[in-house]
Amino acid sequence: MLTEIRGLHHVTAMAGEVRASNAFFTRTLGLRRVKTTVNFDAPEVYHLYYGDAAGTPGTVMTHFPFPDIGPGRRGTGEAGTTVLAVPEGTLSWWEAHLSAAGVAGIDRDRRFGDARLRFAGPDGEGLALAEAPGDPRPGWAGGGVPADSAIRGLRGVALRLADVAPMAELLRLMGYAEAGREGAVTRFRRAGGNGADTIDLERAPGERPAVQGRGSVHHIAFSVRDRAAQDRVRRALIAAGLGVTPPVDRDYFWAVYFRTPGGVLFEVATDGPGFARDEDPAHLGEALKLPRRHEHLRARLEAHLPPITA
């Protein structure tokens, strides 16, 4: 069993119109946009990162806003719900706040003892706020949400799968342990993790496979401290029969990728060098930062990419 993985690093989803997506995550959810950059493989498309004040691993959601992308189709082989941690006793405030903002699909439930508020993002993405008593992470208080209600970071994700057994075996290898079962849902947790440390496996054997599109999670990333830890994880995954990419420099972290037995794309990302590598921490996300290999495209990209007003 690996010990290097500390929990989630970030979750990346597909979005539609960039201004609506940005406004939702910065104003409605009150997250900080910590990096404005572009997709490495499609530089004419933004890659936006949202999180706490510094974009600490375990707090970050990222989006690829493709303006003409069609809606995704929910199903198996995807991360169906991204869960964010909020302080205990704040769900009533959040319910009123989201309702006032016209957010769709608001519903309360409870899973493994967690009081949750489920809702849909602007592109139909499945989101939930879960009360996380004792979560020490401070969250971001500069986005208009009161500090005592602010999102602390990621709590976890729910993976919807036709067969959960292969994914359960993989999670055990990655350092997660089964923490409980409720009906068709099995929870795994990384003990001593970074707060973004729960993975729920939802068994749906008769459901059709998901099709990625607007509102779909593209991949989920797991946090390791450095490249040495990443290399140990990579070698163990390859030894287990998984096809893992070589390390890729993403400017703000190094990443390796692999497709899981259930079809979900996983990434293992280093915690550094971090989002302050090329910006003053007080001004994260304000300027367009391009990957080094795309800097020569700046004039064309600045003319092509739509302005983000907030």
Protein backbone atom coordinates (compact mmCIF):
# COMPACT_ATOMS: atom_id res chain seq x y z
CA MET A 1 0.00 0.00 0.00
CA LEU A 2 1.31 3.44 -0.96
CA THR A 3 1.70 6.14 1.69
CA GLU A 4 2.72 9.06 -0.55
CA ILE A 5 -0.77 10.11 -1.70
CA ARG A 6 -2.23 12.69 0.70
CA GLY A 7 -5.70 13.15 -0.78
CA LEU A 8 -7.00 15.08 -3.75
CA HIS A 9 -4.92 17.79 -5.40
CA HIS A 10 -7.59 19.22 -7.71
CA VAL A 11 -10.65 18.34 -9.78
CA THR A 12 -10.88 19.50 -13.40
CA ALA A 13 -14.20 19.90 -15.24
CA MET A 14 -15.44 21.01 -18.65
CA ALA A 15 -17.34 24.30 -18.75
CA GLY A 16 -19.23 26.34 -21.33
CA GLU A 17 -19.32 30.15 -21.40
CA VAL A 18 -16.32 31.39 -19.43
CA ARG A 19 -17.85 34.46 -17.78
CA ALA A 20 -20.81 32.56 -16.34
CA SER A 21 -18.56 29.81 -15.02
CA ASN A 22 -16.08 32.25 -13.53
CA ALA A 23 -18.82 34.32 -11.88
CA PHE A 24 -20.33 31.22 -10.29
CA PHE A 25 -17.11 29.95 -8.74
CA THR A 26 -15.75 33.34 -7.65
CA ARG A 27 -18.95 35.16 -6.62
CA THR A 28 -21.55 32.50 -5.81
CA LEU A 29 -19.16 30.00 -4.22
CA GLY A 30 -16.67 32.64 -3.12
CA LEU A 31 -13.53 30.85 -4.28
CA ARG A 32 -10.43 32.73 -5.39
CA ARG A 33 -9.35 32.48 -9.00
CA VAL A 34 -5.70 31.69 -8.37
CA LYS A 35 -4.55 31.20 -11.95
CA THR A 36 -5.68 32.37 -15.37
CA THR A 37 -3.89 30.34 -18.00
CA VAL A 38 -4.69 28.19 -21.04
CA ASN A 39 -5.13 24.53 -21.84
CA PHE A 40 -1.72 23.03 -22.65
CA ASP A 41 -3.17 20.97 -25.50
CA ALA A 42 -5.68 23.56 -26.78
CA PRO A 43 -4.19 26.99 -26.00
CA GLU A 44 -7.12 28.85 -27.55
CA VAL A 45 -9.14 27.67 -24.50
CA TYR A 46 -8.71 29.03 -20.99
CA HIS A 47 -7.66 26.88 -18.04
CA LEU A 48 -8.95 28.56 -14.87
CA TYR A 49 -8.06 27.49 -11.33
CA TYR A 50 -10.15 28.29 -8.24
CA GLY A 51 -9.32 27.56 -4.60
CA ASP A 52 -8.25 29.10 -1.31
CA ALA A 53 -5.98 32.13 -1.00
CA ALA A 54 -2.91 30.28 -2.30
CA GLY A 55 -4.49 27.51 -4.37
CA THR A 56 -3.36 24.97 -1.78
CA PRO A 57 -3.48 21.37 -3.05
CA GLY A 58 -6.76 19.86 -1.88
CA THR A 59 -8.71 23.12 -2.31
CA VAL A 60 -8.60 23.56 -6.09
CA MET A 61 -11.21 23.17 -8.81
CA THR A 62 -10.15 23.89 -12.39
CA HIS A 63 -12.15 24.38 -15.57
CA PHE A 64 -11.69 24.19 -19.32
CA PRO A 65 -14.38 26.53 -20.73
CA PHE A 66 -15.14 25.41 -24.29
CA PRO A 67 -17.79 27.89 -25.53
CA ASP A 68 -19.31 25.55 -28.15
CA ILE A 69 -19.17 22.25 -26.27
CA GLY A 70 -22.38 20.23 -25.96
CA PRO A 71 -23.73 19.03 -22.62
CA GLY A 72 -22.26 15.93 -21.04
CA ARG A 73 -24.35 12.83 -20.44
CA ARG A 74 -24.33 11.49 -16.90
CA GLY A 75 -23.53 7.82 -16.43
CA THR A 76 -20.91 5.35 -15.29
CA GLY A 77 -17.17 5.82 -15.63
CA GLU A 78 -17.08 9.38 -14.35
CA ALA A 79 -16.78 11.51 -11.25
CA GLY A 80 -20.44 12.41 -10.86
CA THR A 81 -20.24 14.70 -7.81
CA THR A 82 -17.52 16.98 -6.49
CA VAL A 83 -17.93 17.61 -2.76
CA LEU A 84 -16.66 20.78 -1.06
CA ALA A 85 -16.13 21.16 2.69
CA VAL A 86 -17.88 23.92 4.67
CA PRO A 87 -17.93 24.65 8.41
CA GLU A 88 -20.41 22.85 10.65
CA GLY A 89 -23.77 24.60 10.95
CA THR A 90 -23.50 26.65 7.74
CA LEU A 91 -25.76 24.70 5.37
CA SER A 92 -28.79 26.90 6.11
CA TRP A 93 -26.78 29.99 5.19
CA TRP A 94 -25.58 28.30 2.02
CA GLU A 95 -29.05 27.12 1.06
CA ALA A 96 -30.42 30.66 1.32
CA HIS A 97 -27.40 32.08 -0.52
CA LEU A 98 -27.61 29.60 -3.39
CA SER A 99 -31.38 30.01 -3.68
CA ALA A 100 -30.99 33.79 -3.90
CA ALA A 101 -28.43 33.28 -6.68
CA GLY A 102 -30.90 31.14 -8.68
CA VAL A 103 -28.85 27.94 -8.37
CA ALA A 104 -30.67 24.84 -9.67
CA GLY A 105 -31.30 21.47 -8.07
CA ILE A 106 -30.75 22.39 -4.41
CA ASP A 107 -31.43 19.42 -2.14
CA ARG A 108 -30.36 18.36 1.35
CA ASP A 109 -29.22 14.88 2.21
CA ARG A 110 -26.91 13.01 4.56
CA ARG A 111 -24.17 10.56 3.60
CA PHE A 112 -22.02 8.63 6.09
CA GLY A 113 -23.05 11.13 8.75
CA ASP A 114 -22.16 14.17 6.67
CA ALA A 115 -24.92 16.77 6.34
CA ARG A 116 -24.82 17.86 2.69
CA LEU A 117 -26.39 20.34 0.31
CA ARG A 118 -26.48 19.10 -3.29
CA PHE A 119 -26.93 21.38 -6.29
CA ALA A 120 -26.00 21.88 -9.93
CA GLY A 121 -23.32 24.22 -11.22
CA PRO A 122 -23.89 26.59 -14.15
CA ASP A 123 -23.02 23.87 -16.68
CA GLY A 124 -24.99 21.13 -14.95
CA GLU A 125 -22.03 19.76 -12.98
CA GLY A 126 -22.89 17.79 -9.86
CA LEU A 127 -21.74 19.64 -6.74
CA ALA A 128 -22.31 19.26 -3.01
CA LEU A 129 -21.33 21.13 0.14
CA ALA A 130 -20.65 18.89 3.13
CA GLU A 131 -20.27 20.08 6.70
CA ALA A 132 -16.80 19.11 7.88
CA PRO A 133 -16.47 19.64 11.66
CA GLY A 134 -12.93 20.40 12.72
CA ASP A 135 -11.58 21.09 9.25
CA PRO A 136 -8.65 23.44 10.03
CA ARG A 137 -8.30 24.90 6.54
CA PRO A 138 -9.10 28.64 6.52
CA GLY A 139 -10.80 28.94 3.14
CA TRP A 140 -10.86 32.18 1.13
CA ALA A 141 -12.64 35.13 2.73
CA GLY A 142 -12.07 37.62 -0.09
CA GLY A 143 -14.81 36.40 -2.41
CA GLY A 144 -17.88 37.87 -0.73
CA VAL A 145 -18.77 34.81 1.37
CA PRO A 146 -18.39 35.43 5.12
CA ALA A 147 -15.24 33.90 6.58
CA ASP A 148 -17.21 31.77 9.02
CA SER A 149 -19.13 30.16 6.13
CA ALA A 150 -16.42 30.05 3.46
CA ILE A 151 -15.60 26.84 1.62
CA ARG A 152 -12.56 25.18 3.19
CA GLY A 153 -11.56 23.18 0.14
CA LEU A 154 -12.40 19.91 -1.51
CA ARG A 155 -13.91 17.19 0.67
CA GLY A 156 -13.90 14.44 -1.94
CA VAL A 157 -15.56 13.07 -5.04
CA ALA A 158 -18.15 10.42 -5.86
CA LEU A 159 -17.28 8.06 -8.71
CA ARG A 160 -20.18 6.39 -10.50
CA LEU A 161 -19.17 2.92 -11.74
CA ALA A 162 -20.68 -0.18 -13.29
CA ASP A 163 -18.38 -2.34 -11.12
CA VAL A 164 -16.73 -0.90 -8.01
CA ALA A 165 -14.44 -3.85 -7.21
CA PRO A 166 -11.49 -2.93 -9.50
CA MET A 167 -11.60 0.70 -8.34
CA ALA A 168 -11.74 -0.38 -4.71
CA GLU A 169 -8.61 -2.48 -5.26
CA LEU A 170 -6.85 0.46 -6.88
CA LEU A 171 -7.78 2.84 -4.04
CA ARG A 172 -6.41 0.39 -1.49
CA LEU A 173 -3.12 0.33 -3.40
CA MET A 174 -3.15 4.16 -3.36
CA GLY A 175 -3.40 4.26 0.44
CA TYR A 176 -7.16 4.53 0.95
CA ALA A 177 -9.13 2.28 3.29
CA GLU A 178 -12.81 1.41 3.26
CA ALA A 179 -14.64 3.62 5.76
CA GLY A 180 -18.24 2.42 5.41
CA ARG A 181 -21.09 1.29 3.20
CA GLU A 182 -24.54 2.75 2.67
CA GLY A 183 -26.64 0.88 0.13
CA ALA A 184 -24.87 0.99 -3.24
CA VAL A 185 -22.23 3.45 -2.00
CA THR A 186 -18.86 2.49 -0.51
CA ARG A 187 -16.72 5.20 1.08
CA PHE A 188 -12.93 5.17 1.04
CA ARG A 189 -10.84 7.57 3.10
CA ARG A 190 -7.17 8.46 3.24
CA ALA A 191 -6.38 8.49 6.97
CA GLY A 192 -4.27 11.48 7.99
CA GLY A 193 -4.88 13.12 4.63
CA ASN A 194 -5.12 16.75 3.57
CA GLY A 195 -8.86 17.23 4.19
CA ALA A 196 -9.74 16.35 0.59
CA ASP A 197 -9.54 12.70 1.50
CA THR A 198 -12.82 10.87 0.75
CA ILE A 199 -13.73 8.91 -2.37
CA ASP A 200 -17.24 7.46 -2.65
CA LEU A 201 -17.82 4.61 -5.08
CA GLU A 202 -21.42 4.51 -6.35
CA ARG A 203 -22.35 1.17 -7.91
CA ALA A 204 -24.71 1.52 -10.90
CA PRO A 205 -24.42 -1.74 -12.91
CA GLY A 206 -27.35 -1.10 -15.26
CA GLU A 207 -26.52 2.48 -16.14
CA ARG A 208 -25.12 3.50 -19.53
CA PRO A 209 -21.60 4.93 -19.76
CA ALA A 210 -21.14 8.66 -19.35
CA VAL A 211 -20.28 10.87 -22.31
CA GLN A 212 -18.05 13.83 -21.56
CA GLY A 213 -19.20 17.32 -22.36
CA ARG A 214 -20.18 20.56 -20.68
CA GLY A 215 -20.51 19.92 -16.93
CA SER A 216 -18.47 16.71 -16.95
CA VAL A 217 -15.42 16.14 -14.75
CA HIS A 218 -12.46 15.64 -17.06
CA HIS A 219 -10.14 14.14 -14.43
CA ILE A 220 -9.37 14.07 -10.73
CA ALA A 221 -5.85 14.63 -9.41
CA PHE A 222 -4.20 13.27 -6.28
CA SER A 223 -1.61 15.12 -4.23
CA VAL A 224 1.98 14.04 -3.52
CA ARG A 225 4.64 16.23 -1.93
CA ASP A 226 7.32 16.16 -4.62
CA ARG A 227 8.68 14.43 -7.70
CA ALA A 228 10.43 11.71 -5.70
CA ALA A 229 7.10 10.72 -4.13
CA GLN A 230 5.43 10.93 -7.53
CA ASP A 231 8.04 8.61 -9.02
CA ARG A 232 7.48 6.02 -6.29
CA VAL A 233 3.73 6.14 -6.92
CA ARG A 234 4.21 5.94 -10.68
CA ARG A 235 6.43 2.88 -10.44
CA ALA A 236 3.98 1.11 -8.11
CA LEU A 237 1.06 1.82 -10.44
CA ILE A 238 2.99 0.53 -13.46
CA ALA A 239 3.91 -2.60 -11.49
CA ALA A 240 0.18 -3.10 -10.84
CA GLY A 241 -0.45 -3.15 -14.60
CA LEU A 242 -1.62 0.42 -15.18
CA GLY A 243 -0.49 2.48 -18.16
CA VAL A 244 0.95 5.64 -16.58
CA THR A 245 2.34 8.54 -18.61
CA PRO A 246 5.81 9.96 -18.06
CA PRO A 247 5.88 13.07 -15.84
CA VAL A 248 4.58 16.20 -17.56
CA ASP A 249 5.59 19.73 -16.51
CA ARG A 250 2.40 21.74 -15.93
CA ASP A 251 4.34 24.84 -14.76
CA TYR A 252 2.68 24.88 -11.31
CA PHE A 253 3.07 21.14 -10.64
CA TRP A 254 4.35 17.98 -12.31
CA ALA A 255 1.69 15.48 -13.37
CA VAL A 256 1.34 11.86 -14.44
CA TYR A 257 -1.92 10.44 -15.81
CA PHE A 258 -3.56 7.03 -16.10
CA ARG A 259 -6.98 5.65 -17.02
CA THR A 260 -8.51 3.62 -14.19
CA PRO A 261 -10.30 0.26 -14.58
CA GLY A 262 -13.63 2.04 -14.15
CA GLY A 263 -12.85 4.51 -16.94
CA VAL A 264 -12.15 7.62 -14.82
CA LEU A 265 -8.99 9.55 -15.68
CA PHE A 266 -6.68 9.94 -12.66
CA GLU A 267 -3.72 12.27 -12.26
CA VAL A 268 -1.01 12.31 -9.60
CA ALA A 269 0.30 15.87 -9.13
CA THR A 270 3.12 17.33 -7.07
CA ASP A 271 2.37 20.04 -4.52
CA GLY A 272 4.98 22.37 -5.95
CA PRO A 273 6.19 24.66 -7.29
CA GLY A 274 2.73 26.21 -6.75
CA PHE A 275 0.74 29.08 -8.22
CA ALA A 276 3.02 31.85 -6.89
CA ARG A 277 5.80 30.62 -9.19
CA ASP A 278 5.09 33.40 -11.68
CA GLU A 279 2.82 35.85 -9.79
CA ASP A 280 2.81 37.88 -6.61
CA PRO A 281 0.64 35.97 -4.08
CA ALA A 282 -1.46 39.12 -3.59
CA HIS A 283 -2.40 39.16 -7.29
CA LEU A 284 -2.89 35.51 -8.18
CA GLY A 285 -5.16 34.91 -11.15
CA GLU A 286 -5.32 38.52 -12.29
CA ALA A 287 -3.09 38.33 -15.37
CA LEU A 288 -3.05 35.84 -18.22
CA LYS A 289 -0.14 33.47 -17.62
CA LEU A 290 0.85 31.25 -20.51
CA PRO A 291 2.70 27.94 -20.42
CA ARG A 292 6.29 28.56 -21.37
CA ARG A 293 5.86 26.63 -24.60
CA HIS A 294 2.94 28.89 -25.64
CA GLU A 295 4.38 32.28 -24.69
CA HIS A 296 5.18 33.00 -28.35
CA LEU A 297 1.41 32.86 -29.02
CA ARG A 298 0.56 35.62 -26.54
CA ALA A 299 -0.54 38.31 -28.99
CA ARG A 300 -2.83 35.93 -30.87
CA LEU A 301 -4.28 34.39 -27.73
CA GLU A 302 -4.92 37.73 -26.05
CA ALA A 303 -6.85 38.83 -29.14
CA HIS A 304 -8.81 35.55 -29.26
CA LEU A 305 -9.68 34.81 -25.64
CA PRO A 306 -12.78 36.59 -24.28
CA PRO A 307 -12.20 38.99 -21.37
CA ILE A 308 -13.06 37.80 -17.87
CA THR A 309 -14.61 40.65 -15.94
CA ALA A 310 -14.26 39.32 -12.36
